[in-house]
Amino acid sequence: MLFSSRESQEFGSFEGWIRMVSPHLKEALDRYHVGEKIKQLRLRRKMGLVELSRHTGLSPALLSKLEHGKLYPTLPTLSRIAMVFSTGLDFFFNDERREHTFALVRKKDRLRFPEAPGLEHAAFDFESLDFLATDRRFNAYLADFRGVPASQLHVHHHSGVEFIYVLRGRLALKIGAEQEILDAGDSLYFDSRFPHGTRASAQNLAAPW
């Protein structure tokens, strides 16, 4: 099996960690069922290993070993996986017998990420507003859209629905064959299974796609 240089180095670090884990520590780690929780998050999003691989930069084979408990992820790797599902690291290590009544996210604690890792022309940057919450029923984001050319807009689709509320400026949204312009104060609910893309719009309503 072939891995990229990045994956090969990471794969090696996993194997090294396993050889150094004592039976007592292995037993302690296994109690958290980290691999099962990764799989739970992936299946909840109806996401395959290949799609998760594209988001994380890890190979499907490596992700499969993590899910089956054959390897233990490093914290940076687990952080990348957590970011894909907009969850915190505490989701993997919390006491499942305890229920969290609320999760407070301070502005200073939020991190900003581009639309997707490695995307040349990202249409927006986003921050997760609820990353400390576990077992969320929905995901909340604050996004800052860029005025990328329509020809470079990244169109995507996924299961579920989306709700957009425009705080300021003007937003150009394409859903399937439909095109909409949203102004500050406008909101839109739509089925995200349809291919869609969003970008900041100029003041001209006739801005071409």
C-alpha atoms as a PDB file:
ATOM      1  CA  MET A   1       0.000   0.000   0.000  1.00  0.00           C
ATOM      2  CA  LEU A   2       1.332   3.448  -0.919  1.00  0.00           C
ATOM      3  CA  PHE A   3       1.167   6.545   1.245  1.00  0.00           C
ATOM      4  CA  SER A   4       2.223  10.090   0.562  1.00  0.00           C
ATOM      5  CA  SER A   5       5.313  11.251   2.430  1.00  0.00           C
ATOM      6  CA  ARG A   6       3.120  13.136   4.898  1.00  0.00           C
ATOM      7  CA  GLU A   7       0.967  10.081   5.563  1.00  0.00           C
ATOM      8  CA  SER A   8       3.958   7.761   5.774  1.00  0.00           C
ATOM      9  CA  GLN A   9       5.555   9.896   8.470  1.00  0.00           C
ATOM     10  CA  GLU A  10       2.310  10.120  10.394  1.00  0.00           C
ATOM     11  CA  PHE A  11       1.679   6.398  10.017  1.00  0.00           C
ATOM     12  CA  GLY A  12       5.133   5.729  11.412  1.00  0.00           C
ATOM     13  CA  SER A  13       4.499   7.965  14.408  1.00  0.00           C
ATOM     14  CA  PHE A  14       1.325   6.011  15.176  1.00  0.00           C
ATOM     15  CA  GLU A  15       3.176   2.710  15.091  1.00  0.00           C
ATOM     16  CA  GLY A  16       5.905   4.075  17.343  1.00  0.00           C
ATOM     17  CA  TRP A  17       3.321   5.220  19.850  1.00  0.00           C
ATOM     18  CA  ILE A  18       1.676   1.791  19.937  1.00  0.00           C
ATOM     19  CA  ARG A  19       4.965   0.027  20.681  1.00  0.00           C
ATOM     20  CA  MET A  20       5.562   2.342  23.643  1.00  0.00           C
ATOM     21  CA  VAL A  21       2.055   2.116  25.148  1.00  0.00           C
ATOM     22  CA  SER A  22       1.977  -0.028  28.266  1.00  0.00           C
ATOM     23  CA  PRO A  23      -0.865  -2.503  28.792  1.00  0.00           C
ATOM     24  CA  HIS A  24      -2.197  -0.279  31.593  1.00  0.00           C
ATOM     25  CA  LEU A  25      -2.201   2.836  29.373  1.00  0.00           C
ATOM     26  CA  LYS A  26      -3.710   0.909  26.471  1.00  0.00           C
ATOM     27  CA  GLU A  27      -6.522  -0.226  28.762  1.00  0.00           C
ATOM     28  CA  ALA A  28      -7.091   3.372  29.881  1.00  0.00           C
ATOM     29  CA  LEU A  29      -7.197   4.672  26.288  1.00  0.00           C
ATOM     30  CA  ASP A  30      -9.508   1.908  25.117  1.00  0.00           C
ATOM     31  CA  ARG A  31     -12.104   2.947  27.698  1.00  0.00           C
ATOM     32  CA  TYR A  32     -12.765   6.115  25.697  1.00  0.00           C
ATOM     33  CA  HIS A  33     -13.505   4.235  22.444  1.00  0.00           C
ATOM     34  CA  VAL A  34     -11.984   7.054  20.382  1.00  0.00           C
ATOM     35  CA  GLY A  35     -12.108   5.033  17.157  1.00  0.00           C
ATOM     36  CA  GLU A  36     -15.772   4.205  17.616  1.00  0.00           C
ATOM     37  CA  LYS A  37     -16.551   7.874  18.218  1.00  0.00           C
ATOM     38  CA  ILE A  38     -14.780   8.872  15.002  1.00  0.00           C
ATOM     39  CA  LYS A  39     -16.883   6.343  13.114  1.00  0.00           C
ATOM     40  CA  GLN A  40     -20.023   7.548  14.901  1.00  0.00           C
ATOM     41  CA  LEU A  41     -19.400  11.132  13.775  1.00  0.00           C
ATOM     42  CA  ARG A  42     -18.651  10.019  10.214  1.00  0.00           C
ATOM     43  CA  LEU A  43     -21.771   7.872   9.862  1.00  0.00           C
ATOM     44  CA  ARG A  44     -23.942  10.549  11.440  1.00  0.00           C
ATOM     45  CA  ARG A  45     -22.881  12.833   8.590  1.00  0.00           C
ATOM     46  CA  LYS A  46     -23.392   9.979   6.085  1.00  0.00           C
ATOM     47  CA  MET A  47     -19.762  10.446   5.081  1.00  0.00           C
ATOM     48  CA  GLY A  48     -17.578   7.709   3.592  1.00  0.00           C
ATOM     49  CA  LEU A  49     -13.934   7.119   4.463  1.00  0.00           C
ATOM     50  CA  VAL A  50     -12.836   8.555   1.115  1.00  0.00           C
ATOM     51  CA  GLU A  51     -14.707  11.815   1.714  1.00  0.00           C
ATOM     52  CA  LEU A  52     -13.311  12.105   5.248  1.00  0.00           C
ATOM     53  CA  SER A  53      -9.874  11.459   3.774  1.00  0.00           C
ATOM     54  CA  ARG A  54     -10.261  14.466   1.455  1.00  0.00           C
ATOM     55  CA  HIS A  55     -11.145  16.711   4.400  1.00  0.00           C
ATOM     56  CA  THR A  56      -8.379  15.525   6.729  1.00  0.00           C
ATOM     57  CA  GLY A  57      -5.514  14.677   4.370  1.00  0.00           C
ATOM     58  CA  LEU A  58      -5.289  11.182   5.908  1.00  0.00           C
ATOM     59  CA  SER A  59      -5.629   8.062   3.788  1.00  0.00           C
ATOM     60  CA  PRO A  60      -8.848   5.981   3.979  1.00  0.00           C
ATOM     61  CA  ALA A  61      -6.787   2.972   5.118  1.00  0.00           C
ATOM     62  CA  LEU A  62      -5.307   4.948   7.992  1.00  0.00           C
ATOM     63  CA  LEU A  63      -8.711   6.294   9.027  1.00  0.00           C
ATOM     64  CA  SER A  64     -10.098   2.766   8.986  1.00  0.00           C
ATOM     65  CA  LYS A  65      -7.334   1.595  11.350  1.00  0.00           C
ATOM     66  CA  LEU A  66      -8.156   4.479  13.688  1.00  0.00           C
ATOM     67  CA  GLU A  67     -11.851   3.608  13.695  1.00  0.00           C
ATOM     68  CA  HIS A  68     -11.125  -0.042  14.466  1.00  0.00           C
ATOM     69  CA  GLY A  69      -8.757   0.799  17.306  1.00  0.00           C
ATOM     70  CA  LYS A  70      -5.675  -0.617  15.567  1.00  0.00           C
ATOM     71  CA  LEU A  71      -3.911   2.752  15.840  1.00  0.00           C
ATOM     72  CA  TYR A  72      -4.165   5.658  18.277  1.00  0.00           C
ATOM     73  CA  PRO A  73      -4.334   9.171  16.764  1.00  0.00           C
ATOM     74  CA  THR A  74      -2.003  11.921  17.882  1.00  0.00           C
ATOM     75  CA  LEU A  75      -3.676  15.059  19.244  1.00  0.00           C
ATOM     76  CA  PRO A  76      -2.976  17.131  16.072  1.00  0.00           C
ATOM     77  CA  THR A  77      -4.576  14.415  13.949  1.00  0.00           C
ATOM     78  CA  LEU A  78      -7.544  14.109  16.281  1.00  0.00           C
ATOM     79  CA  SER A  79      -7.900  17.904  16.209  1.00  0.00           C
ATOM     80  CA  ARG A  80      -8.115  17.845  12.408  1.00  0.00           C
ATOM     81  CA  ILE A  81     -10.803  15.153  12.532  1.00  0.00           C
ATOM     82  CA  ALA A  82     -12.679  17.079  15.230  1.00  0.00           C
ATOM     83  CA  MET A  83     -12.580  20.245  13.120  1.00  0.00           C
ATOM     84  CA  VAL A  84     -14.204  18.446  10.170  1.00  0.00           C
ATOM     85  CA  PHE A  85     -17.161  17.556  12.393  1.00  0.00           C
ATOM     86  CA  SER A  86     -17.147  20.893  14.270  1.00  0.00           C
ATOM     87  CA  THR A  87     -16.652  19.216  17.613  1.00  0.00           C
ATOM     88  CA  GLY A  88     -14.168  19.657  20.429  1.00  0.00           C
ATOM     89  CA  LEU A  89     -11.482  17.235  21.578  1.00  0.00           C
ATOM     90  CA  ASP A  90     -13.446  16.727  24.786  1.00  0.00           C
ATOM     91  CA  PHE A  91     -16.022  14.788  22.741  1.00  0.00           C
ATOM     92  CA  PHE A  92     -13.490  11.962  22.411  1.00  0.00           C
ATOM     93  CA  PHE A  93     -12.398  11.977  26.049  1.00  0.00           C
ATOM     94  CA  ASN A  94     -15.476  13.050  28.018  1.00  0.00           C
ATOM     95  CA  ASP A  95     -17.334  10.905  30.492  1.00  0.00           C
ATOM     96  CA  GLU A  96     -20.324   9.693  28.508  1.00  0.00           C
ATOM     97  CA  ARG A  97     -22.340   9.387  31.698  1.00  0.00           C
ATOM     98  CA  ARG A  98     -22.298  13.157  32.128  1.00  0.00           C
ATOM     99  CA  GLU A  99     -24.600  15.397  30.096  1.00  0.00           C
ATOM    100  CA  HIS A 100     -23.569  18.937  29.224  1.00  0.00           C
ATOM    101  CA  THR A 101     -26.384  21.422  29.854  1.00  0.00           C
ATOM    102  CA  PHE A 102     -24.744  24.203  27.836  1.00  0.00           C
ATOM    103  CA  ALA A 103     -21.503  25.086  26.067  1.00  0.00           C
ATOM    104  CA  LEU A 104     -20.238  28.667  26.185  1.00  0.00           C
ATOM    105  CA  VAL A 105     -17.879  29.741  23.389  1.00  0.00           C
ATOM    106  CA  ARG A 106     -15.967  32.984  23.944  1.00  0.00           C
ATOM    107  CA  LYS A 107     -15.061  35.091  20.927  1.00  0.00           C
ATOM    108  CA  LYS A 108     -11.372  34.998  21.890  1.00  0.00           C
ATOM    109  CA  ASP A 109     -11.406  31.169  21.817  1.00  0.00           C
ATOM    110  CA  ARG A 110     -12.765  30.807  18.290  1.00  0.00           C
ATOM    111  CA  LEU A 111     -10.416  29.881  15.454  1.00  0.00           C
ATOM    112  CA  ARG A 112     -10.799  30.918  11.818  1.00  0.00           C
ATOM    113  CA  PHE A 113     -10.408  28.441   8.952  1.00  0.00           C
ATOM    114  CA  PRO A 114     -10.679  28.681   5.159  1.00  0.00           C
ATOM    115  CA  GLU A 115     -13.570  27.082   3.294  1.00  0.00           C
ATOM    116  CA  ALA A 116     -11.595  23.859   2.773  1.00  0.00           C
ATOM    117  CA  PRO A 117      -7.954  22.817   3.323  1.00  0.00           C
ATOM    118  CA  GLY A 118      -5.800  23.394   0.254  1.00  0.00           C
ATOM    119  CA  LEU A 119      -8.529  25.136  -1.769  1.00  0.00           C
ATOM    120  CA  GLU A 120      -6.827  27.695  -4.039  1.00  0.00           C
ATOM    121  CA  HIS A 121      -9.744  30.127  -4.274  1.00  0.00           C
ATOM    122  CA  ALA A 122     -11.686  29.888  -1.010  1.00  0.00           C
ATOM    123  CA  ALA A 123     -14.996  31.771  -1.129  1.00  0.00           C
ATOM    124  CA  PHE A 124     -15.122  32.304   2.627  1.00  0.00           C
ATOM    125  CA  ASP A 125     -13.461  31.903   6.009  1.00  0.00           C
ATOM    126  CA  PHE A 126     -15.488  30.528   8.891  1.00  0.00           C
ATOM    127  CA  GLU A 127     -15.535  30.136  12.656  1.00  0.00           C
ATOM    128  CA  SER A 128     -17.450  27.482  14.569  1.00  0.00           C
ATOM    129  CA  LEU A 129     -19.777  29.102  17.099  1.00  0.00           C
ATOM    130  CA  ASP A 130     -20.583  25.884  18.972  1.00  0.00           C
ATOM    131  CA  PHE A 131     -17.424  23.746  18.829  1.00  0.00           C
ATOM    132  CA  LEU A 132     -17.444  23.108  22.587  1.00  0.00           C
ATOM    133  CA  ALA A 133     -20.889  21.510  22.495  1.00  0.00           C
ATOM    134  CA  THR A 134     -21.111  17.732  22.254  1.00  0.00           C
ATOM    135  CA  ASP A 135     -23.736  15.665  20.455  1.00  0.00           C
ATOM    136  CA  ARG A 136     -25.093  18.754  18.649  1.00  0.00           C
ATOM    137  CA  ARG A 137     -28.371  18.666  16.726  1.00  0.00           C
ATOM    138  CA  PHE A 138     -27.111  21.388  14.353  1.00  0.00           C
ATOM    139  CA  ASN A 139     -23.905  23.319  13.595  1.00  0.00           C
ATOM    140  CA  ALA A 140     -23.597  27.111  13.841  1.00  0.00           C
ATOM    141  CA  TYR A 141     -20.934  29.090  11.958  1.00  0.00           C
ATOM    142  CA  LEU A 142     -19.902  32.683  11.418  1.00  0.00           C
ATOM    143  CA  ALA A 143     -18.634  33.117   7.852  1.00  0.00           C
ATOM    144  CA  ASP A 144     -16.837  36.010   6.159  1.00  0.00           C
ATOM    145  CA  PHE A 145     -17.330  35.738   2.391  1.00  0.00           C
ATOM    146  CA  ARG A 146     -14.897  36.903  -0.263  1.00  0.00           C
ATOM    147  CA  GLY A 147     -15.687  38.346  -3.682  1.00  0.00           C
ATOM    148  CA  VAL A 148     -14.233  35.488  -5.726  1.00  0.00           C
ATOM    149  CA  PRO A 149     -15.078  35.318  -9.453  1.00  0.00           C
ATOM    150  CA  ALA A 150     -18.110  33.177 -10.213  1.00  0.00           C
ATOM    151  CA  SER A 151     -15.970  30.913 -12.417  1.00  0.00           C
ATOM    152  CA  GLN A 152     -13.852  30.000  -9.369  1.00  0.00           C
ATOM    153  CA  LEU A 153     -16.749  29.343  -7.009  1.00  0.00           C
ATOM    154  CA  HIS A 154     -16.593  25.953  -5.270  1.00  0.00           C
ATOM    155  CA  VAL A 155     -19.998  24.257  -5.636  1.00  0.00           C
ATOM    156  CA  HIS A 156     -20.731  21.397  -3.244  1.00  0.00           C
ATOM    157  CA  HIS A 157     -23.592  19.421  -1.715  1.00  0.00           C
ATOM    158  CA  HIS A 158     -24.167  17.314   1.387  1.00  0.00           C
ATOM    159  CA  SER A 159     -26.947  15.795   3.427  1.00  0.00           C
ATOM    160  CA  GLY A 160     -29.067  17.984   5.689  1.00  0.00           C
ATOM    161  CA  VAL A 161     -30.204  21.586   5.450  1.00  0.00           C
ATOM    162  CA  GLU A 162     -28.622  25.030   5.797  1.00  0.00           C
ATOM    163  CA  PHE A 163     -29.903  28.304   7.209  1.00  0.00           C
ATOM    164  CA  ILE A 164     -28.203  31.582   6.295  1.00  0.00           C
ATOM    165  CA  TYR A 165     -28.714  34.996   7.876  1.00  0.00           C
ATOM    166  CA  VAL A 166     -26.818  37.937   6.373  1.00  0.00           C
ATOM    167  CA  LEU A 167     -25.363  40.288   8.994  1.00  0.00           C
ATOM    168  CA  ARG A 168     -23.924  42.855   6.583  1.00  0.00           C
ATOM    169  CA  GLY A 169     -23.045  43.295   2.932  1.00  0.00           C
ATOM    170  CA  ARG A 170     -24.548  41.380   0.053  1.00  0.00           C
ATOM    171  CA  LEU A 171     -24.389  37.641  -0.609  1.00  0.00           C
ATOM    172  CA  ALA A 172     -24.728  35.860  -3.956  1.00  0.00           C
ATOM    173  CA  LEU A 173     -26.036  32.314  -3.632  1.00  0.00           C
ATOM    174  CA  LYS A 174     -26.454  29.642  -6.284  1.00  0.00           C
ATOM    175  CA  ILE A 175     -28.584  26.564  -5.511  1.00  0.00           C
ATOM    176  CA  GLY A 176     -28.955  24.186  -8.433  1.00  0.00           C
ATOM    177  CA  ALA A 177     -30.175  26.323 -11.322  1.00  0.00           C
ATOM    178  CA  GLU A 178     -31.514  29.042  -9.011  1.00  0.00           C
ATOM    179  CA  GLN A 179     -29.610  32.245  -8.212  1.00  0.00           C
ATOM    180  CA  GLU A 180     -30.407  34.591  -5.342  1.00  0.00           C
ATOM    181  CA  ILE A 181     -28.986  37.833  -3.961  1.00  0.00           C
ATOM    182  CA  LEU A 182     -29.315  38.304  -0.202  1.00  0.00           C
ATOM    183  CA  ASP A 183     -28.954  41.695   1.496  1.00  0.00           C
ATOM    184  CA  ALA A 184     -28.240  42.448   5.152  1.00  0.00           C
ATOM    185  CA  GLY A 185     -31.137  41.189   7.260  1.00  0.00           C
ATOM    186  CA  ASP A 186     -32.248  38.593   4.685  1.00  0.00           C
ATOM    187  CA  SER A 187     -32.354  34.914   5.575  1.00  0.00           C
ATOM    188  CA  LEU A 188     -32.633  31.698   3.598  1.00  0.00           C
ATOM    189  CA  TYR A 189     -33.369  28.059   4.464  1.00  0.00           C
ATOM    190  CA  PHE A 190     -32.576  25.414   1.850  1.00  0.00           C
ATOM    191  CA  ASP A 191     -32.000  21.715   1.222  1.00  0.00           C
ATOM    192  CA  SER A 192     -28.219  21.307   1.076  1.00  0.00           C
ATOM    193  CA  ARG A 193     -28.473  18.123  -0.983  1.00  0.00           C
ATOM    194  CA  PHE A 194     -28.722  20.434  -4.015  1.00  0.00           C
ATOM    195  CA  PRO A 195     -25.360  21.666  -5.380  1.00  0.00           C
ATOM    196  CA  HIS A 196     -24.771  25.133  -3.973  1.00  0.00           C
ATOM    197  CA  GLY A 197     -22.142  27.819  -3.674  1.00  0.00           C
ATOM    198  CA  THR A 198     -21.965  31.207  -1.965  1.00  0.00           C
ATOM    199  CA  ARG A 199     -19.796  34.293  -2.460  1.00  0.00           C
ATOM    200  CA  ALA A 200     -19.758  37.972  -1.604  1.00  0.00           C
ATOM    201  CA  SER A 201     -21.580  40.000  -4.257  1.00  0.00           C
ATOM    202  CA  ALA A 202     -20.920  43.455  -5.642  1.00  0.00           C
ATOM    203  CA  GLN A 203     -23.704  46.013  -5.410  1.00  0.00           C
ATOM    204  CA  ASN A 204     -24.768  45.209  -8.952  1.00  0.00           C
ATOM    205  CA  LEU A 205     -27.705  42.776  -8.799  1.00  0.00           C
ATOM    206  CA  ALA A 206     -26.872  41.588 -12.287  1.00  0.00           C
ATOM    207  CA  ALA A 207     -23.466  40.265 -11.236  1.00  0.00           C
ATOM    208  CA  PRO A 208     -22.793  37.357 -13.652  1.00  0.00           C
ATOM    209  CA  TRP A 209     -22.251  33.808 -12.418  1.00  0.00           C
END
